[in-house]
Amino acid sequence: MTSKELLYIEDALGHAQYFQNKCQETLGQLQDAELKTCVQQMAQQNQQIYQSFLSLL
């Protein structure tokens, strides 16, 4: 893997972590159950993407 590819994966991991943090913050603020479910699903999908990137390393 080239250094440029590693930098891309590192950047993608950082974005995935940021998104995960924002999902958790948002879940703590939401009152609507339907919106909470939607955000939880997005967080789960994001976690799968994060794990996929980690597996590349």
C-alpha atoms as a PDB file:
ATOM      1  CA  MET A   1       0.000   0.000   0.000  1.00  0.00           C
ATOM      2  CA  THR A   2       1.388   3.404  -0.912  1.00  0.00           C
ATOM      3  CA  SER A   3       1.822   6.228   1.557  1.00  0.00           C
ATOM      4  CA  LYS A   4      -0.897   8.176  -0.269  1.00  0.00           C
ATOM      5  CA  GLU A   5      -3.325   5.282   0.152  1.00  0.00           C
ATOM      6  CA  LEU A   6      -2.495   5.047   3.852  1.00  0.00           C
ATOM      7  CA  LEU A   7      -3.135   8.783   4.241  1.00  0.00           C
ATOM      8  CA  TYR A   8      -6.503   8.336   2.548  1.00  0.00           C
ATOM      9  CA  ILE A   9      -7.447   5.525   4.939  1.00  0.00           C
ATOM     10  CA  GLU A  10      -6.273   7.566   7.929  1.00  0.00           C
ATOM     11  CA  ASP A  11      -8.388  10.500   6.746  1.00  0.00           C
ATOM     12  CA  ALA A  12     -11.409   8.249   6.197  1.00  0.00           C
ATOM     13  CA  LEU A  13     -11.016   6.792   9.707  1.00  0.00           C
ATOM     14  CA  GLY A  14     -10.913  10.290  11.158  1.00  0.00           C
ATOM     15  CA  HIS A  15     -14.104  11.241   9.335  1.00  0.00           C
ATOM     16  CA  ALA A  16     -15.819   8.052  10.461  1.00  0.00           C
ATOM     17  CA  GLN A  17     -14.858   8.702  14.092  1.00  0.00           C
ATOM     18  CA  TYR A  18     -16.102  12.297  13.860  1.00  0.00           C
ATOM     19  CA  PHE A  19     -19.405  11.126  12.383  1.00  0.00           C
ATOM     20  CA  GLN A  20     -19.766   8.507  15.127  1.00  0.00           C
ATOM     21  CA  ASN A  21     -19.201  11.142  17.805  1.00  0.00           C
ATOM     22  CA  LYS A  22     -21.799  13.424  16.213  1.00  0.00           C
ATOM     23  CA  CYS A  23     -24.311  10.579  16.053  1.00  0.00           C
ATOM     24  CA  GLN A  24     -23.832   9.882  19.756  1.00  0.00           C
ATOM     25  CA  GLU A  25     -24.236  13.583  20.619  1.00  0.00           C
ATOM     26  CA  THR A  26     -27.360  13.795  18.505  1.00  0.00           C
ATOM     27  CA  LEU A  27     -28.876  10.675  20.047  1.00  0.00           C
ATOM     28  CA  GLY A  28     -28.570  12.291  23.452  1.00  0.00           C
ATOM     29  CA  GLN A  29     -30.523  15.325  22.275  1.00  0.00           C
ATOM     30  CA  LEU A  30     -33.309  13.733  20.240  1.00  0.00           C
ATOM     31  CA  GLN A  31     -36.757  13.185  21.683  1.00  0.00           C
ATOM     32  CA  ASP A  32     -38.480  11.738  18.623  1.00  0.00           C
ATOM     33  CA  ALA A  33     -38.245   7.928  18.623  1.00  0.00           C
ATOM     34  CA  GLU A  34     -38.353   7.684  14.832  1.00  0.00           C
ATOM     35  CA  LEU A  35     -35.454  10.105  14.431  1.00  0.00           C
ATOM     36  CA  LYS A  36     -33.497   8.289  17.134  1.00  0.00           C
ATOM     37  CA  THR A  37     -33.940   5.020  15.277  1.00  0.00           C
ATOM     38  CA  CYS A  38     -32.739   6.635  12.057  1.00  0.00           C
ATOM     39  CA  VAL A  39     -29.627   8.062  13.718  1.00  0.00           C
ATOM     40  CA  GLN A  40     -28.908   4.740  15.425  1.00  0.00           C
ATOM     41  CA  GLN A  41     -29.071   2.986  12.059  1.00  0.00           C
ATOM     42  CA  MET A  42     -26.686   5.542  10.553  1.00  0.00           C
ATOM     43  CA  ALA A  43     -24.304   5.059  13.471  1.00  0.00           C
ATOM     44  CA  GLN A  44     -24.371   1.281  12.989  1.00  0.00           C
ATOM     45  CA  GLN A  45     -23.686   1.581   9.266  1.00  0.00           C
ATOM     46  CA  ASN A  46     -20.881   4.002   9.976  1.00  0.00           C
ATOM     47  CA  GLN A  47     -19.381   1.568  12.496  1.00  0.00           C
ATOM     48  CA  GLN A  48     -19.365  -1.135   9.835  1.00  0.00           C
ATOM     49  CA  ILE A  49     -17.584   1.204   7.429  1.00  0.00           C
ATOM     50  CA  TYR A  50     -15.064   2.092  10.131  1.00  0.00           C
ATOM     51  CA  GLN A  51     -14.367  -1.588  10.776  1.00  0.00           C
ATOM     52  CA  SER A  52     -13.925  -2.177   7.053  1.00  0.00           C
ATOM     53  CA  PHE A  53     -11.311   0.565   6.873  1.00  0.00           C
ATOM     54  CA  LEU A  54      -9.535  -0.844   9.926  1.00  0.00           C
ATOM     55  CA  SER A  55      -9.397  -4.256   8.324  1.00  0.00           C
ATOM     56  CA  LEU A  56      -7.485  -2.740   5.412  1.00  0.00           C
ATOM     57  CA  LEU A  57      -4.666  -1.925   7.778  1.00  0.00           C
END
